[in-house]
Amino acid sequence: MAFVQKQVDTGGYSGPSGDLGSLLDAARQPIDDGFEDSELEELLLESLDDGTEDIPITPEFWEAFRAETDAMIAEYQQRKSAA
């Protein structure tokens, strides 16, 4: 609620209901992602039936996942600062 009140106080909205109304309006807008629902569903189902083994989601998986994403972020930040 503090965020909403800050938006009202800074003139972003006339009141909390205006802020909430804007969020609801945005949520109702269709997302144009270039896929029809049926196309997206077909792609998802194909990926489930692609014959590959399921990956067990274990604490070790999450540890490796975090290490990999941390390395990706570090590489991105290094390239960004070098540019």
Protein backbone atom coordinates (compact mmCIF):
# COMPACT_ATOMS: atom_id res chain seq x y z
CA MET A 1 0.00 0.00 0.00
CA ALA A 2 2.96 2.33 0.59
CA PHE A 3 3.83 2.25 -3.13
CA VAL A 4 0.27 3.17 -4.08
CA GLN A 5 0.19 6.01 -1.57
CA LYS A 6 3.53 7.32 -2.87
CA GLN A 7 2.12 7.35 -6.42
CA VAL A 8 -0.93 9.27 -5.21
CA ASP A 9 1.22 11.72 -3.22
CA THR A 10 3.51 12.45 -6.18
CA GLY A 11 0.57 13.15 -8.46
CA GLY A 12 0.77 9.97 -10.47
CA TYR A 13 -2.85 9.12 -9.68
CA SER A 14 -5.86 10.80 -8.14
CA GLY A 15 -6.20 8.08 -5.52
CA PRO A 16 -5.57 4.42 -4.79
CA SER A 17 -8.56 3.39 -6.90
CA GLY A 18 -7.04 5.16 -9.93
CA ASP A 19 -3.80 3.24 -9.50
CA LEU A 20 -5.62 -0.06 -9.13
CA GLY A 21 -7.86 0.77 -12.08
CA SER A 22 -4.85 1.38 -14.30
CA LEU A 23 -3.33 -1.95 -13.30
CA LEU A 24 -6.59 -3.77 -14.02
CA ASP A 25 -6.91 -2.05 -17.41
CA ALA A 26 -3.37 -3.12 -18.31
CA ALA A 27 -4.06 -6.70 -17.21
CA ARG A 28 -7.12 -6.85 -19.45
CA GLN A 29 -5.16 -5.89 -22.57
CA PRO A 30 -4.31 -8.85 -24.80
CA ILE A 31 -0.62 -9.60 -25.15
CA ASP A 32 0.60 -9.74 -28.73
CA ASP A 33 3.42 -12.25 -28.53
CA GLY A 34 3.14 -13.33 -32.14
CA PHE A 35 1.60 -16.68 -31.23
CA GLU A 36 -1.95 -17.84 -31.38
CA ASP A 37 -2.97 -19.74 -28.25
CA SER A 38 -3.28 -22.95 -30.24
CA GLU A 39 0.21 -22.50 -31.71
CA LEU A 40 1.72 -21.90 -28.30
CA GLU A 41 -0.10 -24.88 -26.83
CA GLU A 42 1.12 -27.07 -29.69
CA LEU A 43 4.73 -25.97 -29.15
CA LEU A 44 4.48 -26.64 -25.42
CA LEU A 45 3.01 -30.09 -25.96
CA GLU A 46 5.71 -30.92 -28.53
CA SER A 47 8.38 -29.96 -26.02
CA LEU A 48 6.84 -32.32 -23.46
CA ASP A 49 6.91 -35.19 -25.94
CA ASP A 50 10.37 -34.58 -27.39
CA GLY A 51 11.81 -37.78 -25.96
CA THR A 52 14.32 -36.14 -23.66
CA GLU A 53 14.62 -37.19 -20.05
CA ASP A 54 12.97 -35.14 -17.35
CA ILE A 55 15.32 -33.10 -15.20
CA PRO A 56 14.92 -33.81 -11.49
CA ILE A 57 14.49 -30.54 -9.62
CA THR A 58 16.66 -31.02 -6.56
CA PRO A 59 18.63 -28.68 -4.31
CA GLU A 60 21.69 -29.57 -6.39
CA PHE A 61 19.84 -28.54 -9.55
CA TRP A 62 19.02 -25.13 -8.06
CA GLU A 63 22.60 -24.68 -6.87
CA ALA A 64 23.96 -25.37 -10.35
CA PHE A 65 21.25 -23.23 -11.93
CA ARG A 66 22.09 -20.26 -9.69
CA ALA A 67 25.81 -20.66 -10.36
CA GLU A 68 25.18 -20.69 -14.11
CA THR A 69 22.88 -17.68 -14.06
CA ASP A 70 25.25 -15.77 -11.76
CA ALA A 71 28.06 -16.42 -14.26
CA MET A 72 25.84 -15.21 -17.12
CA ILE A 73 24.99 -12.03 -15.22
CA ALA A 74 28.64 -11.38 -14.38
CA GLU A 75 29.62 -11.84 -18.04
CA TYR A 76 26.85 -9.48 -19.16
CA GLN A 77 27.85 -6.83 -16.63
CA GLN A 78 31.51 -7.13 -17.67
CA ARG A 79 30.62 -6.67 -21.37
CA LYS A 80 28.30 -3.78 -20.52
CA SER A 81 30.97 -1.95 -18.51
CA ALA A 82 33.57 -2.51 -21.24
CA ALA A 83 31.34 -0.93 -23.89
